[in-house]
N, C-alpha and C. Protein backbone atom coordinates (compact mmCIF):
# COMPACT_ATOMS: atom_id res chain seq x y z
N MET A 1 9.26 42.45 -29.38
CA MET A 1 9.94 42.70 -30.51
C MET A 1 11.44 43.26 -30.28
N SER A 2 11.38 43.85 -29.25
CA SER A 2 12.83 44.69 -28.85
C SER A 2 13.80 43.75 -28.34
N ILE A 3 13.19 42.61 -27.53
CA ILE A 3 14.15 41.58 -26.94
C ILE A 3 14.78 40.92 -28.06
N ILE A 4 14.03 40.42 -29.17
CA ILE A 4 14.65 39.79 -30.31
C ILE A 4 15.65 40.71 -31.11
N GLY A 5 15.33 42.02 -31.14
CA GLY A 5 16.11 42.95 -31.91
C GLY A 5 17.43 43.12 -31.22
N ASP A 6 17.26 43.29 -29.74
CA ASP A 6 18.60 43.21 -29.00
C ASP A 6 19.44 41.90 -29.27
N PHE A 7 18.88 40.91 -29.12
CA PHE A 7 19.38 39.60 -29.23
C PHE A 7 20.08 39.59 -30.40
N VAL A 8 19.43 39.85 -31.58
CA VAL A 8 20.14 39.95 -33.02
C VAL A 8 21.27 40.59 -32.98
N GLU A 9 21.12 42.03 -32.40
CA GLU A 9 22.19 42.96 -32.48
C GLU A 9 23.46 42.46 -31.89
N GLN A 10 23.20 41.76 -30.64
CA GLN A 10 24.42 41.49 -29.66
C GLN A 10 25.00 40.26 -30.55
N VAL A 11 24.16 39.10 -31.41
CA VAL A 11 24.98 38.24 -31.85
C VAL A 11 25.62 38.68 -33.09
N THR A 12 25.25 39.66 -33.86
CA THR A 12 25.91 40.24 -35.11
C THR A 12 27.17 40.97 -34.48
N LYS A 13 27.15 41.58 -33.43
CA LYS A 13 28.39 42.33 -32.89
C LYS A 13 29.59 41.29 -32.40
N THR A 14 29.05 40.27 -31.67
CA THR A 14 30.05 39.29 -31.40
C THR A 14 30.60 38.54 -32.56
N VAL A 15 29.85 38.11 -33.58
CA VAL A 15 30.28 37.51 -34.74
C VAL A 15 31.42 38.50 -35.30
N LEU A 16 31.08 39.64 -35.59
CA LEU A 16 32.03 40.69 -36.22
C LEU A 16 33.29 40.71 -35.50
N ASN A 17 33.03 40.83 -34.08
CA ASN A 17 34.41 41.05 -33.12
C ASN A 17 35.31 39.78 -33.35
N GLU A 18 34.78 38.63 -33.48
CA GLU A 18 35.40 37.36 -33.49
C GLU A 18 36.18 37.34 -34.90
N GLY A 19 35.34 37.83 -35.99
CA GLY A 19 36.15 37.90 -37.29
C GLY A 19 37.09 38.81 -37.35
N MET A 20 37.12 40.03 -36.67
CA MET A 20 38.06 40.88 -36.64
C MET A 20 39.24 40.58 -35.93
N ARG A 21 39.07 39.76 -34.75
CA ARG A 21 40.12 39.34 -34.12
C ARG A 21 40.99 38.18 -34.72
N LYS A 22 40.31 37.40 -35.73
CA LYS A 22 40.90 36.38 -36.29
C LYS A 22 41.76 36.86 -37.59
N ILE A 23 41.36 38.04 -37.92
CA ILE A 23 42.00 38.59 -39.13
C ILE A 23 43.39 38.97 -38.88
N GLY A 24 43.67 39.59 -37.61
CA GLY A 24 44.91 40.05 -37.41
C GLY A 24 45.69 39.07 -36.62
N GLY A 25 45.44 37.80 -36.85
CA GLY A 25 46.20 36.63 -36.19
C GLY A 25 47.55 36.21 -36.93
N LYS A 26 47.84 36.91 -38.11
CA LYS A 26 48.96 36.34 -38.82
C LYS A 26 50.37 36.85 -38.05
N ARG A 27 51.34 35.99 -38.05
CA ARG A 27 52.51 36.25 -37.22
C ARG A 27 53.58 36.38 -38.17
N ARG A 28 54.53 37.07 -37.97
CA ARG A 28 55.81 37.13 -38.72
C ARG A 28 56.90 36.27 -38.10
N ARG A 29 57.82 35.66 -38.92
CA ARG A 29 58.97 34.99 -38.28
C ARG A 29 59.96 35.98 -37.83
N ARG A 30 60.57 35.79 -36.68
CA ARG A 30 61.43 36.51 -36.10
C ARG A 30 62.83 36.62 -36.92
N ARG A 31 63.27 37.75 -37.15
CA ARG A 31 64.79 37.89 -37.66
C ARG A 31 65.68 37.21 -36.87
N LEU A 32 66.73 36.41 -37.44
CA LEU A 32 67.78 35.86 -36.64
C LEU A 32 68.92 36.84 -36.62
N SER A 33 69.58 37.10 -35.59
CA SER A 33 70.80 37.92 -35.44
C SER A 33 71.80 37.22 -36.07
N PRO A 34 72.98 37.77 -36.48
CA PRO A 34 74.03 37.10 -37.02
C PRO A 34 74.65 36.04 -36.23
N SER A 35 74.70 36.25 -35.09
CA SER A 35 75.31 35.07 -34.18
C SER A 35 74.26 33.69 -34.11
N GLN A 36 73.01 34.06 -34.04
CA GLN A 36 71.90 32.97 -34.09
C GLN A 36 72.16 32.37 -35.39
N ARG A 37 72.21 33.21 -36.57
CA ARG A 37 72.18 32.67 -37.86
C ARG A 37 73.42 31.48 -37.96
N ILE A 38 74.59 32.06 -37.37
CA ILE A 38 75.80 31.18 -37.52
C ILE A 38 75.58 29.76 -36.81
N ALA A 39 75.01 30.08 -35.43
CA ALA A 39 74.84 28.82 -34.58
C ALA A 39 74.00 27.87 -35.45
N LYS A 40 72.79 28.46 -36.15
CA LYS A 40 72.06 27.52 -36.79
C LYS A 40 72.72 26.86 -38.05
N GLU A 41 73.49 27.50 -38.53
CA GLU A 41 74.27 26.95 -39.85
C GLU A 41 75.32 25.75 -39.30
N ILE A 42 75.87 26.04 -38.09
CA ILE A 42 76.80 25.07 -37.63
C ILE A 42 75.92 23.96 -37.29
N GLU A 43 74.88 24.05 -36.55
CA GLU A 43 74.00 22.88 -36.06
C GLU A 43 73.65 22.02 -37.17
N ARG A 44 73.29 22.73 -38.37
CA ARG A 44 72.73 22.02 -39.73
C ARG A 44 73.94 21.31 -40.29
N LEU A 45 75.11 21.75 -40.21
CA LEU A 45 76.30 21.03 -40.75
C LEU A 45 76.71 19.80 -39.91
N VAL A 46 76.52 19.97 -38.54
CA VAL A 46 76.86 18.86 -37.63
C VAL A 46 75.90 17.92 -37.70
N LYS A 47 74.65 18.16 -37.79
CA LYS A 47 73.61 17.03 -37.68
C LYS A 47 73.50 16.44 -39.05
N PRO A 48 73.52 15.02 -39.00
CA PRO A 48 73.59 14.23 -40.32
C PRO A 48 72.14 14.40 -41.05
N ALA A 49 72.25 14.56 -42.36
CA ALA A 49 71.15 14.64 -43.21
C ALA A 49 70.22 13.30 -43.05
N LYS A 50 68.87 13.67 -43.22
CA LYS A 50 67.93 12.57 -43.12
C LYS A 50 68.07 11.67 -44.49
N ARG A 51 67.90 10.39 -44.38
CA ARG A 51 67.85 9.71 -45.65
C ARG A 51 66.51 9.76 -46.27
N GLN A 52 66.49 9.87 -47.47
CA GLN A 52 65.38 10.02 -48.39
C GLN A 52 64.61 8.62 -48.41
N VAL A 53 63.31 8.81 -47.94
CA VAL A 53 62.50 7.55 -48.09
C VAL A 53 62.23 7.23 -49.46
N SER A 54 62.06 5.94 -49.71
CA SER A 54 61.71 5.51 -51.26
C SER A 54 60.28 5.90 -51.61
N ARG A 55 60.28 6.17 -52.80
CA ARG A 55 58.76 6.69 -53.24
C ARG A 55 57.84 5.38 -53.07
N LYS A 56 58.48 4.26 -53.35
CA LYS A 56 57.56 3.09 -53.20
C LYS A 56 56.91 2.89 -51.80
N LYS A 57 57.89 3.14 -50.77
CA LYS A 57 57.39 3.09 -49.38
C LYS A 57 56.28 4.01 -49.07
N THR A 58 56.63 5.17 -49.57
CA THR A 58 55.53 6.32 -49.22
C THR A 58 54.17 5.96 -49.94
N THR A 59 54.21 5.53 -51.01
CA THR A 59 52.99 5.33 -51.87
C THR A 59 52.27 4.17 -51.20
N ARG A 60 52.91 3.24 -50.93
CA ARG A 60 52.34 1.87 -50.12
C ARG A 60 51.70 2.46 -48.82
N ALA A 61 52.53 3.26 -47.97
CA ALA A 61 51.87 3.48 -46.72
C ALA A 61 50.51 4.59 -46.96
N ARG A 62 50.60 5.44 -47.98
CA ARG A 62 49.40 6.18 -48.14
C ARG A 62 48.29 5.53 -49.10
N SER A 63 48.54 4.36 -49.36
CA SER A 63 47.47 3.71 -50.21
C SER A 63 46.04 3.64 -49.39
N LYS A 64 45.05 3.48 -50.50
CA LYS A 64 43.69 3.28 -49.87
C LYS A 64 43.39 2.18 -49.05
N THR A 65 44.11 1.12 -49.36
CA THR A 65 43.77 -0.21 -48.58
C THR A 65 44.42 0.00 -47.20
N ARG A 66 45.38 0.55 -47.09
CA ARG A 66 46.14 0.79 -45.87
C ARG A 66 45.05 1.68 -45.06
N ARG A 67 44.59 2.84 -45.68
CA ARG A 67 43.89 3.67 -44.97
C ARG A 67 42.48 2.97 -44.45
N ARG A 68 42.01 2.18 -45.21
CA ARG A 68 40.78 1.46 -44.95
C ARG A 68 40.91 0.54 -43.82
N ALA A 69 42.38 0.10 -43.50
CA ALA A 69 42.52 -0.88 -42.58
C ALA A 69 42.52 -0.21 -41.03
N TYR A 70 42.44 1.04 -41.13
CA TYR A 70 42.41 1.71 -39.65
C TYR A 70 41.07 1.62 -39.13
């Protein structure tokens, strides 16, 4: 009986430890320094904007018949 009890105790400890490790996994975004912010702004202005894809094209691409074809 003690073997089973020890096994159950070990399993619960590992499960709890795994859960605690995953809770603290949220990461924050790094703050940009003023020079980095300016560089990013310039890059954004230099790079041409993406063209907006028509709604008709996206709905056709996501249609059920297309998904069934794969």
